[in-house]
Amino acid sequence: MSEKRCYTVKELQEILGVSRPTIYNLLKKNEFRWIRLDGGKYRISKKSFDDWLDKLPESFN
């Protein structure tokens, strides 16, 4: 199986330890690349999320 290229909203919640609304706010602000699939499900680019996370100031990590 190939390397995972997208995260789900639930996975981001677990990674960041934040609520679902917080993730949706980040999506709304276009903090990283994402797509919305049929049925309203979101998929977030793993690369853009990982890049975003790596660039956060140390106080947020």
PDB file of N, CA and C in Angstrom:
ATOM      1  N   MET A   1       0.845  -1.195   0.000  1.00  0.00           N
ATOM      2  CA  MET A   1       0.000   0.000   0.000  1.00  0.00           C
ATOM      3  C   MET A   1       0.883   1.249   0.000  1.00  0.00           C
ATOM      4  N   SER A   2       0.493   2.238  -0.753  1.00  0.00           N
ATOM      5  CA  SER A   2       1.291   3.460  -0.844  1.00  0.00           C
ATOM      6  C   SER A   2       1.115   4.333   0.401  1.00  0.00           C
ATOM      7  N   GLU A   3       2.012   5.287   0.548  1.00  0.00           N
ATOM      8  CA  GLU A   3       1.971   6.201   1.691  1.00  0.00           C
ATOM      9  C   GLU A   3       0.702   7.049   1.645  1.00  0.00           C
ATOM     10  N   LYS A   4       0.137   7.266   2.802  1.00  0.00           N
ATOM     11  CA  LYS A   4      -1.080   8.068   2.931  1.00  0.00           C
ATOM     12  C   LYS A   4      -0.805   9.500   2.488  1.00  0.00           C
ATOM     13  N   ARG A   5      -1.705  10.079   1.672  1.00  0.00           N
ATOM     14  CA  ARG A   5      -1.509  11.439   1.169  1.00  0.00           C
ATOM     15  C   ARG A   5      -2.482  12.446   1.758  1.00  0.00           C
ATOM     16  N   CYS A   6      -3.522  11.965   2.452  1.00  0.00           N
ATOM     17  CA  CYS A   6      -4.529  12.865   3.013  1.00  0.00           C
ATOM     18  C   CYS A   6      -4.877  12.464   4.441  1.00  0.00           C
ATOM     19  N   TYR A   7      -5.275  13.460   5.208  1.00  0.00           N
ATOM     20  CA  TYR A   7      -5.804  13.239   6.551  1.00  0.00           C
ATOM     21  C   TYR A   7      -7.303  13.497   6.536  1.00  0.00           C
ATOM     22  N   THR A   8      -8.001  12.905   7.500  1.00  0.00           N
ATOM     23  CA  THR A   8      -9.413  13.221   7.731  1.00  0.00           C
ATOM     24  C   THR A   8      -9.484  14.270   8.843  1.00  0.00           C
ATOM     25  N   VAL A   9     -10.653  14.847   9.018  1.00  0.00           N
ATOM     26  CA  VAL A   9     -10.863  15.809  10.106  1.00  0.00           C
ATOM     27  C   VAL A   9     -10.590  15.125  11.447  1.00  0.00           C
ATOM     28  N   LYS A  10     -11.075  13.911  11.597  1.00  0.00           N
ATOM     29  CA  LYS A  10     -10.866  13.181  12.854  1.00  0.00           C
ATOM     30  C   LYS A  10      -9.375  12.953  13.129  1.00  0.00           C
ATOM     31  N   GLU A  11      -8.617  12.624  12.116  1.00  0.00           N
ATOM     32  CA  GLU A  11      -7.182  12.426  12.308  1.00  0.00           C
ATOM     33  C   GLU A  11      -6.500  13.716  12.752  1.00  0.00           C
ATOM     34  N   LEU A  12      -6.888  14.843  12.168  1.00  0.00           N
ATOM     35  CA  LEU A  12      -6.302  16.120  12.588  1.00  0.00           C
ATOM     36  C   LEU A  12      -6.677  16.446  14.025  1.00  0.00           C
ATOM     37  N   GLN A  13      -7.906  16.136  14.411  1.00  0.00           N
ATOM     38  CA  GLN A  13      -8.314  16.340  15.800  1.00  0.00           C
ATOM     39  C   GLN A  13      -7.385  15.578  16.739  1.00  0.00           C
ATOM     40  N   GLU A  14      -7.091  14.324  16.387  1.00  0.00           N
ATOM     41  CA  GLU A  14      -6.235  13.491  17.233  1.00  0.00           C
ATOM     42  C   GLU A  14      -4.795  13.994  17.234  1.00  0.00           C
ATOM     43  N   ILE A  15      -4.291  14.388  16.075  1.00  0.00           N
ATOM     44  CA  ILE A  15      -2.910  14.873  15.978  1.00  0.00           C
ATOM     45  C   ILE A  15      -2.714  16.135  16.809  1.00  0.00           C
ATOM     46  N   LEU A  16      -3.662  17.078  16.673  1.00  0.00           N
ATOM     47  CA  LEU A  16      -3.526  18.373  17.347  1.00  0.00           C
ATOM     48  C   LEU A  16      -4.132  18.399  18.749  1.00  0.00           C
ATOM     49  N   GLY A  17      -4.991  17.431  19.058  1.00  0.00           N
ATOM     50  CA  GLY A  17      -5.652  17.417  20.365  1.00  0.00           C
ATOM     51  C   GLY A  17      -6.631  18.559  20.528  1.00  0.00           C
ATOM     52  N   VAL A  18      -7.394  18.838  19.457  1.00  0.00           N
ATOM     53  CA  VAL A  18      -8.358  19.940  19.470  1.00  0.00           C
ATOM     54  C   VAL A  18      -9.741  19.428  19.067  1.00  0.00           C
ATOM     55  N   SER A  19     -10.722  20.310  19.196  1.00  0.00           N
ATOM     56  CA  SER A  19     -12.101  19.944  18.876  1.00  0.00           C
ATOM     57  C   SER A  19     -12.366  19.981  17.370  1.00  0.00           C
ATOM     58  N   ARG A  20     -13.452  19.350  16.982  1.00  0.00           N
ATOM     59  CA  ARG A  20     -13.882  19.342  15.582  1.00  0.00           C
ATOM     60  C   ARG A  20     -14.089  20.762  15.053  1.00  0.00           C
ATOM     61  N   PRO A  21     -14.796  21.643  15.807  1.00  0.00           N
ATOM     62  CA  PRO A  21     -14.965  23.022  15.314  1.00  0.00           C
ATOM     63  C   PRO A  21     -13.643  23.748  15.073  1.00  0.00           C
ATOM     64  N   THR A  22     -12.631  23.455  15.887  1.00  0.00           N
ATOM     65  CA  THR A  22     -11.320  24.082  15.698  1.00  0.00           C
ATOM     66  C   THR A  22     -10.739  23.679  14.343  1.00  0.00           C
ATOM     67  N   ILE A  23     -10.859  22.409  13.984  1.00  0.00           N
ATOM     68  CA  ILE A  23     -10.364  21.948  12.678  1.00  0.00           C
ATOM     69  C   ILE A  23     -11.117  22.643  11.564  1.00  0.00           C
ATOM     70  N   TYR A  24     -12.434  22.742  11.678  1.00  0.00           N
ATOM     71  CA  TYR A  24     -13.216  23.419  10.640  1.00  0.00           C
ATOM     72  C   TYR A  24     -12.843  24.890  10.518  1.00  0.00           C
ATOM     73  N   ASN A  25     -12.506  25.530  11.624  1.00  0.00           N
ATOM     74  CA  ASN A  25     -12.042  26.920  11.567  1.00  0.00           C
ATOM     75  C   ASN A  25     -10.722  27.026  10.809  1.00  0.00           C
ATOM     76  N   LEU A  26      -9.817  26.078  11.026  1.00  0.00           N
ATOM     77  CA  LEU A  26      -8.553  26.072  10.291  1.00  0.00           C
ATOM     78  C   LEU A  26      -8.796  25.862   8.794  1.00  0.00           C
ATOM     79  N   LEU A  27      -9.738  24.987   8.466  1.00  0.00           N
ATOM     80  CA  LEU A  27     -10.077  24.770   7.053  1.00  0.00           C
ATOM     81  C   LEU A  27     -10.642  26.050   6.442  1.00  0.00           C
ATOM     82  N   LYS A  28     -11.524  26.698   7.181  1.00  0.00           N
ATOM     83  CA  LYS A  28     -12.144  27.937   6.711  1.00  0.00           C
ATOM     84  C   LYS A  28     -11.100  29.028   6.446  1.00  0.00           C
ATOM     85  N   LYS A  29     -10.046  29.051   7.265  1.00  0.00           N
ATOM     86  CA  LYS A  29      -8.973  30.041   7.106  1.00  0.00           C
ATOM     87  C   LYS A  29      -7.973  29.644   6.025  1.00  0.00           C
ATOM     88  N   ASN A  30      -8.168  28.462   5.426  1.00  0.00           N
ATOM     89  CA  ASN A  30      -7.250  27.944   4.398  1.00  0.00           C
ATOM     90  C   ASN A  30      -5.812  27.857   4.901  1.00  0.00           C
ATOM     91  N   GLU A  31      -5.664  27.353   6.115  1.00  0.00           N
ATOM     92  CA  GLU A  31      -4.328  27.192   6.691  1.00  0.00           C
ATOM     93  C   GLU A  31      -3.517  26.134   5.943  1.00  0.00           C
ATOM     94  N   PHE A  32      -4.229  25.184   5.316  1.00  0.00           N
ATOM     95  CA  PHE A  32      -3.586  24.138   4.517  1.00  0.00           C
ATOM     96  C   PHE A  32      -4.548  23.723   3.410  1.00  0.00           C
ATOM     97  N   ARG A  33      -4.052  22.952   2.441  1.00  0.00           N
ATOM     98  CA  ARG A  33      -4.867  22.547   1.292  1.00  0.00           C
ATOM     99  C   ARG A  33      -5.829  21.420   1.676  1.00  0.00           C
ATOM    100  N   TRP A  34      -7.038  21.508   1.165  1.00  0.00           N
ATOM    101  CA  TRP A  34      -8.033  20.490   1.439  1.00  0.00           C
ATOM    102  C   TRP A  34      -9.028  20.420   0.289  1.00  0.00           C
ATOM    103  N   ILE A  35      -9.749  19.303   0.236  1.00  0.00           N
ATOM    104  CA  ILE A  35     -10.835  19.150  -0.727  1.00  0.00           C
ATOM    105  C   ILE A  35     -12.060  18.658   0.025  1.00  0.00           C
ATOM    106  N   ARG A  36     -13.218  18.915  -0.562  1.00  0.00           N
ATOM    107  CA  ARG A  36     -14.467  18.412   0.007  1.00  0.00           C
ATOM    108  C   ARG A  36     -15.042  17.394  -0.957  1.00  0.00           C
ATOM    109  N   LEU A  37     -15.272  16.198  -0.475  1.00  0.00           N
ATOM    110  CA  LEU A  37     -15.791  15.113  -1.287  1.00  0.00           C
ATOM    111  C   LEU A  37     -17.310  15.108  -1.272  1.00  0.00           C
ATOM    112  N   ASP A  38     -17.893  14.340  -2.179  1.00  0.00           N
ATOM    113  CA  ASP A  38     -19.345  14.137  -2.144  1.00  0.00           C
ATOM    114  C   ASP A  38     -19.721  13.619  -0.763  1.00  0.00           C
ATOM    115  N   GLY A  39     -20.826  14.078  -0.250  1.00  0.00           N
ATOM    116  CA  GLY A  39     -21.241  13.671   1.086  1.00  0.00           C
ATOM    117  C   GLY A  39     -20.714  14.584   2.173  1.00  0.00           C
ATOM    118  N   GLY A  40     -19.962  15.634   1.781  1.00  0.00           N
ATOM    119  CA  GLY A  40     -19.506  16.626   2.746  1.00  0.00           C
ATOM    120  C   GLY A  40     -18.260  16.250   3.527  1.00  0.00           C
ATOM    121  N   LYS A  41     -17.603  15.163   3.174  1.00  0.00           N
ATOM    122  CA  LYS A  41     -16.394  14.772   3.892  1.00  0.00           C
ATOM    123  C   LYS A  41     -15.193  15.537   3.357  1.00  0.00           C
ATOM    124  N   TYR A  42     -14.307  15.894   4.275  1.00  0.00           N
ATOM    125  CA  TYR A  42     -13.107  16.652   3.929  1.00  0.00           C
ATOM    126  C   TYR A  42     -11.888  15.742   3.930  1.00  0.00           C
ATOM    127  N   ARG A  43     -10.966  16.042   3.036  1.00  0.00           N
ATOM    128  CA  ARG A  43      -9.658  15.399   3.027  1.00  0.00           C
ATOM    129  C   ARG A  43      -8.615  16.499   2.962  1.00  0.00           C
ATOM    130  N   ILE A  44      -7.663  16.444   3.873  1.00  0.00           N
ATOM    131  CA  ILE A  44      -6.655  17.491   4.012  1.00  0.00           C
ATOM    132  C   ILE A  44      -5.321  16.940   3.516  1.00  0.00           C
ATOM    133  N   SER A  45      -4.662  17.720   2.683  1.00  0.00           N
ATOM    134  CA  SER A  45      -3.366  17.318   2.151  1.00  0.00           C
ATOM    135  C   SER A  45      -2.383  17.089   3.295  1.00  0.00           C
ATOM    136  N   LYS A  46      -1.843  15.894   3.368  1.00  0.00           N
ATOM    137  CA  LYS A  46      -0.869  15.559   4.403  1.00  0.00           C
ATOM    138  C   LYS A  46       0.355  16.457   4.292  1.00  0.00           C
ATOM    139  N   LYS A  47       0.848  16.650   3.085  1.00  0.00           N
ATOM    140  CA  LYS A  47       2.037  17.468   2.882  1.00  0.00           C
ATOM    141  C   LYS A  47       1.804  18.902   3.333  1.00  0.00           C
ATOM    142  N   SER A  48       0.686  19.508   2.911  1.00  0.00           N
ATOM    143  CA  SER A  48       0.451  20.907   3.288  1.00  0.00           C
ATOM    144  C   SER A  48       0.213  21.040   4.792  1.00  0.00           C
ATOM    145  N   PHE A  49      -0.468  20.058   5.400  1.00  0.00           N
ATOM    146  CA  PHE A  49      -0.675  20.104   6.848  1.00  0.00           C
ATOM    147  C   PHE A  49       0.661  19.960   7.579  1.00  0.00           C
ATOM    148  N   ASP A  50       1.465  18.973   7.165  1.00  0.00           N
ATOM    149  CA  ASP A  50       2.758  18.749   7.820  1.00  0.00           C
ATOM    150  C   ASP A  50       3.663  19.977   7.679  1.00  0.00           C
ATOM    151  N   ASP A  51       3.659  20.606   6.501  1.00  0.00           N
ATOM    152  CA  ASP A  51       4.443  21.832   6.290  1.00  0.00           C
ATOM    153  C   ASP A  51       3.957  22.943   7.210  1.00  0.00           C
ATOM    154  N   TRP A  52       2.638  23.098   7.308  1.00  0.00           N
ATOM    155  CA  TRP A  52       2.034  24.122   8.171  1.00  0.00           C
ATOM    156  C   TRP A  52       2.437  23.879   9.627  1.00  0.00           C
ATOM    157  N   LEU A  53       2.333  22.626  10.059  1.00  0.00           N
ATOM    158  CA  LEU A  53       2.647  22.285  11.442  1.00  0.00           C
ATOM    159  C   LEU A  53       4.128  22.550  11.748  1.00  0.00           C
ATOM    160  N   ASP A  54       4.985  22.225  10.810  1.00  0.00           N
ATOM    161  CA  ASP A  54       6.425  22.442  11.007  1.00  0.00           C
ATOM    162  C   ASP A  54       6.784  23.917  11.096  1.00  0.00           C
ATOM    163  N   LYS A  55       5.987  24.788  10.508  1.00  0.00           N
ATOM    164  CA  LYS A  55       6.275  26.224  10.499  1.00  0.00           C
ATOM    165  C   LYS A  55       5.701  26.983  11.688  1.00  0.00           C
ATOM    166  N   LEU A  56       4.904  26.297  12.519  1.00  0.00           N
ATOM    167  CA  LEU A  56       4.343  26.974  13.684  1.00  0.00           C
ATOM    168  C   LEU A  56       5.450  27.388  14.640  1.00  0.00           C
ATOM    169  N   PRO A  57       5.264  28.531  15.310  1.00  0.00           N
ATOM    170  CA  PRO A  57       6.252  28.930  16.319  1.00  0.00           C
ATOM    171  C   PRO A  57       6.375  27.855  17.398  1.00  0.00           C
ATOM    172  N   GLU A  58       7.530  27.734  17.980  1.00  0.00           N
ATOM    173  CA  GLU A  58       7.811  26.691  18.965  1.00  0.00           C
ATOM    174  C   GLU A  58       6.814  26.700  20.127  1.00  0.00           C
ATOM    175  N   SER A  59       6.297  27.858  20.483  1.00  0.00           N
ATOM    176  CA  SER A  59       5.367  27.955  21.617  1.00  0.00           C
ATOM    177  C   SER A  59       4.045  27.236  21.367  1.00  0.00           C
ATOM    178  N   PHE A  60       3.719  26.960  20.101  1.00  0.00           N
ATOM    179  CA  PHE A  60       2.470  26.264  19.790  1.00  0.00           C
ATOM    180  C   PHE A  60       2.667  24.758  19.712  1.00  0.00           C
ATOM    181  N   ASN A  61       3.885  24.292  19.626  1.00  0.00           N
ATOM    182  CA  ASN A  61       4.131  22.847  19.470  1.00  0.00           C
ATOM    183  C   ASN A  61       4.261  22.155  20.802  1.00  0.00           C
TER     184      ASN A  61
END
